[in-house]
Amino acid sequence: MKWKLFANFAEVAGEREIEIRRGGSITMEDALEDLFNQIPRLRELVMNEQGGVLNHVQVLCNGEEIRGENFSQMVLENDDELAIIPPMSGG
């Protein structure tokens, strides 16, 4: 399973893709925790004080945005592609 990181998230990580290696079932919460263990600074850029994803940050699984009350317990497959997208501004 891999995380794709964009914009300032990729800059903080120093790379655009992060591999997660785990056997068995893994939840979105587990995948995020693994990512934050590898790149601790991302936690404060992605999560709020209550442990949820900040409203302006998008988390995608296989190209679809994931939100809702069951977000953290969503079960992932080993071949899923995850992405975190920071807010984009334009003008």
Protein backbone atom coordinates (compact mmCIF):
# COMPACT_ATOMS: atom_id res chain seq x y z
CA MET A 1 0.00 0.00 0.00
CA LYS A 2 1.27 3.46 -0.68
CA TRP A 3 0.47 7.04 0.18
CA LYS A 4 0.81 9.71 -2.48
CA LEU A 5 1.61 13.16 -1.11
CA PHE A 6 1.07 16.45 -2.89
CA ALA A 7 2.31 20.05 -2.66
CA ASN A 8 3.58 21.06 0.80
CA PHE A 9 2.90 17.56 2.19
CA ALA A 10 5.42 16.14 -0.31
CA GLU A 11 7.86 18.93 0.58
CA VAL A 12 7.61 18.13 4.30
CA ALA A 13 8.08 14.39 3.63
CA GLY A 14 10.89 14.94 1.14
CA GLU A 15 9.19 12.56 -1.28
CA ARG A 16 5.92 12.12 -3.15
CA GLU A 17 5.23 8.48 -2.26
CA ILE A 18 5.49 6.60 1.03
CA GLU A 19 5.19 2.80 1.24
CA ILE A 20 3.29 1.15 4.07
CA ARG A 21 4.08 -2.49 4.71
CA ARG A 22 1.68 -4.36 6.93
CA GLY A 23 0.19 -7.81 6.87
CA GLY A 24 -3.46 -8.58 7.39
CA SER A 25 -6.28 -6.09 7.72
CA ILE A 26 -5.44 -2.44 8.07
CA THR A 27 -7.81 0.44 8.73
CA MET A 28 -7.51 4.01 7.52
CA GLU A 29 -6.56 4.95 11.09
CA ASP A 30 -3.70 2.38 10.99
CA ALA A 31 -2.53 3.66 7.60
CA LEU A 32 -2.50 7.27 8.81
CA GLU A 33 -0.67 6.29 12.00
CA ASP A 34 1.98 4.45 9.97
CA LEU A 35 2.39 7.52 7.76
CA PHE A 36 2.73 9.82 10.78
CA ASN A 37 5.23 7.47 12.40
CA GLN A 38 7.39 7.80 9.28
CA ILE A 39 6.86 11.57 8.91
CA PRO A 40 5.74 12.99 12.29
CA ARG A 41 5.43 16.60 11.06
CA LEU A 42 2.55 15.59 8.77
CA ARG A 43 0.30 14.88 11.75
CA GLU A 44 -0.07 18.57 12.65
CA LEU A 45 -0.72 19.48 8.99
CA VAL A 46 -3.38 16.80 8.47
CA MET A 47 -5.11 16.17 11.82
CA ASN A 48 -7.09 18.40 14.18
CA GLU A 49 -6.84 18.36 17.98
CA GLN A 50 -9.74 15.88 18.24
CA GLY A 51 -7.90 13.33 16.07
CA GLY A 52 -9.91 13.91 12.90
CA VAL A 53 -8.69 15.04 9.51
CA LEU A 54 -8.79 18.80 9.05
CA ASN A 55 -11.78 19.94 6.97
CA HIS A 56 -9.65 21.49 4.25
CA VAL A 57 -7.51 18.36 3.73
CA GLN A 58 -8.65 15.67 1.30
CA VAL A 59 -7.90 12.00 1.90
CA LEU A 60 -8.45 9.73 -1.08
CA CYS A 61 -8.53 5.97 -1.50
CA ASN A 62 -8.18 4.80 -5.09
CA GLY A 63 -9.08 8.27 -6.33
CA GLU A 64 -12.24 8.72 -4.23
CA GLU A 65 -12.44 11.15 -1.33
CA ILE A 66 -13.06 9.46 2.01
CA ARG A 67 -15.04 11.26 4.73
CA GLY A 68 -17.70 10.48 7.28
CA GLU A 69 -18.13 8.93 10.68
CA ASN A 70 -16.69 5.53 9.66
CA PHE A 71 -13.61 7.09 8.04
CA SER A 72 -11.03 5.88 10.57
CA GLN A 73 -12.38 2.31 10.66
CA MET A 74 -12.56 1.87 6.88
CA VAL A 75 -10.77 -1.41 6.04
CA LEU A 76 -8.14 -1.11 3.34
CA GLU A 77 -6.68 -3.63 0.91
CA ASN A 78 -2.94 -4.12 0.32
CA ASP A 79 -3.18 -2.79 -3.24
CA ASP A 80 -5.10 0.39 -2.33
CA GLU A 81 -3.54 3.70 -3.31
CA LEU A 82 -4.02 6.43 -0.73
CA ALA A 83 -3.48 10.15 -1.18
CA ILE A 84 -3.48 13.26 0.98
CA ILE A 85 -4.13 16.57 -0.75
CA PRO A 86 -3.66 19.90 1.01
CA PRO A 87 -5.92 22.87 0.36
CA MET A 88 -5.29 24.51 -2.97
CA SER A 89 -5.54 28.20 -3.48
CA GLY A 90 -5.74 30.04 -6.73
CA GLY A 91 -6.42 33.40 -8.04
